């Protein structure tokens, strides 16, 4: 197929800010985990599909199968949909308190 560009699991975009490897990055409806460090405006490789251990609201219990959202202000995963970006589903439970949760990123948006 002549118009195929790439699979899309890993994409390169201009970094919207200073980003560290492993950070969840959200740009509009596009999101993924940074594959490396990047300065603002530099090429940033994002991994858009897979399961990642991401920081969450500590005082929040999350069950496997719960939909999770990214709060870009707090830079944490939560279960609150309002004002946040849907990023996927928890694949493990995370108790209250805990710092992280394993999330399968939703490649389908």
Protein backbone atom coordinates (compact mmCIF):
# COMPACT_ATOMS: atom_id res chain seq x y z
CA UNK A 1 0.00 0.00 0.00
CA UNK A 2 1.59 3.25 -1.11
CA UNK A 3 -0.02 5.58 1.41
CA UNK A 4 0.94 3.64 4.57
CA UNK A 5 3.20 5.80 6.74
CA UNK A 6 3.85 3.69 9.87
CA UNK A 7 2.16 1.31 12.32
CA UNK A 8 1.71 4.07 14.88
CA UNK A 9 2.72 2.22 18.05
CA UNK A 10 5.72 4.56 18.23
CA UNK A 11 5.51 8.04 16.80
CA UNK A 12 7.76 11.06 16.77
CA UNK A 13 6.39 14.51 17.59
CA UNK A 14 7.89 17.84 18.68
CA UNK A 15 8.11 17.73 22.47
CA UNK A 16 5.50 20.05 24.03
CA UNK A 17 7.68 20.61 27.11
CA UNK A 18 10.78 19.27 28.80
CA UNK A 19 10.04 15.55 29.10
CA UNK A 20 11.80 12.70 30.90
CA UNK A 21 11.85 9.12 29.71
CA UNK A 22 8.78 7.32 31.06
CA UNK A 23 6.63 10.45 31.38
CA UNK A 24 3.08 10.26 30.10
CA UNK A 25 2.70 12.99 27.49
CA UNK A 26 -0.68 14.33 26.33
CA UNK A 27 -0.98 16.61 23.29
CA UNK A 28 -4.64 17.22 22.51
CA UNK A 29 -6.18 13.78 21.97
CA UNK A 30 -2.77 12.19 21.35
CA UNK A 31 -0.97 10.55 24.26
CA UNK A 32 1.83 8.13 24.94
CA UNK A 33 4.81 7.39 27.12
CA UNK A 34 8.09 9.14 26.32
CA UNK A 35 10.71 6.67 25.10
CA UNK A 36 13.48 9.09 26.05
CA UNK A 37 14.27 12.54 27.40
CA UNK A 38 13.50 15.58 25.23
CA UNK A 39 13.73 19.35 25.45
CA UNK A 40 10.83 21.55 24.36
CA UNK A 41 10.48 21.42 20.57
CA UNK A 42 12.96 18.56 20.12
CA UNK A 43 11.92 15.26 18.55
CA UNK A 44 10.12 13.11 21.10
CA UNK A 45 9.40 9.42 20.53
CA UNK A 46 6.08 8.37 22.08
CA UNK A 47 5.02 4.80 22.69
CA UNK A 48 1.26 4.82 22.22
CA UNK A 49 0.37 1.17 22.88
CA UNK A 50 1.28 -1.15 25.74
CA UNK A 51 1.08 -1.50 29.51
CA UNK A 52 2.92 1.06 31.62
CA UNK A 53 3.40 1.66 35.34
CA UNK A 54 2.13 5.23 35.75
CA UNK A 55 1.90 7.61 38.72
CA UNK A 56 -1.59 7.90 40.18
CA UNK A 57 -3.49 9.85 42.80
CA UNK A 58 -2.14 8.23 45.97
CA UNK A 59 -5.39 8.35 47.95
CA UNK A 60 -7.34 6.48 45.27
CA UNK A 61 -8.11 2.79 44.95
CA UNK A 62 -8.22 1.52 41.39
CA UNK A 63 -9.45 -1.93 40.37
CA UNK A 64 -8.28 -3.97 37.40
CA UNK A 65 -10.59 -3.09 34.53
CA UNK A 66 -11.36 0.45 35.68
CA UNK A 67 -11.22 3.16 33.01
CA UNK A 68 -8.50 5.63 33.87
CA UNK A 69 -7.90 9.24 32.90
CA UNK A 70 -4.92 11.57 32.94
CA UNK A 71 -5.10 14.77 34.97
CA UNK A 72 -2.62 16.98 33.12
CA UNK A 73 -2.61 19.57 35.91
CA UNK A 74 -1.61 17.11 38.64
CA UNK A 75 0.24 14.87 36.13
CA UNK A 76 -1.43 11.82 37.67
CA UNK A 77 -3.74 9.01 36.62
CA UNK A 78 -7.20 9.11 38.17
CA UNK A 79 -10.69 7.69 37.68
CA UNK A 80 -12.22 11.14 37.19
CA UNK A 81 -13.43 11.65 33.62
CA UNK A 82 -14.52 15.29 33.87
CA UNK A 83 -11.80 17.60 32.58
CA UNK A 84 -9.32 14.77 32.07
CA UNK A 85 -8.11 12.71 29.09
CA UNK A 86 -9.19 9.07 28.80
CA UNK A 87 -5.99 7.04 28.42
CA UNK A 88 -6.96 3.41 28.95
CA UNK A 89 -7.72 0.69 31.47
CA UNK A 90 -6.03 -0.40 34.68
CA UNK A 91 -4.70 -3.95 34.32
CA UNK A 92 -3.81 -4.36 38.00
CA UNK A 93 -5.42 -3.18 41.19
CA UNK A 94 -3.82 -0.30 43.09
CA UNK A 95 -4.74 0.28 46.72
CA UNK A 96 -5.23 3.51 48.63
CA UNK A 97 -2.56 4.69 49.32
CA UNK A 98 -0.19 3.72 46.52
CA UNK A 99 1.91 5.65 44.05
CA UNK A 100 1.39 3.84 40.73
CA UNK A 101 -0.95 1.68 38.68
CA UNK A 102 -0.36 -0.48 35.60
CA UNK A 103 -2.32 0.96 32.67
CA UNK A 104 -2.93 -0.43 29.19
CA UNK A 105 -2.96 2.59 26.96
CA UNK A 106 -6.03 2.80 24.75
CA UNK A 107 -4.63 2.87 21.23
CA UNK A 108 -8.13 3.27 19.79
CA UNK A 109 -8.70 6.71 21.39
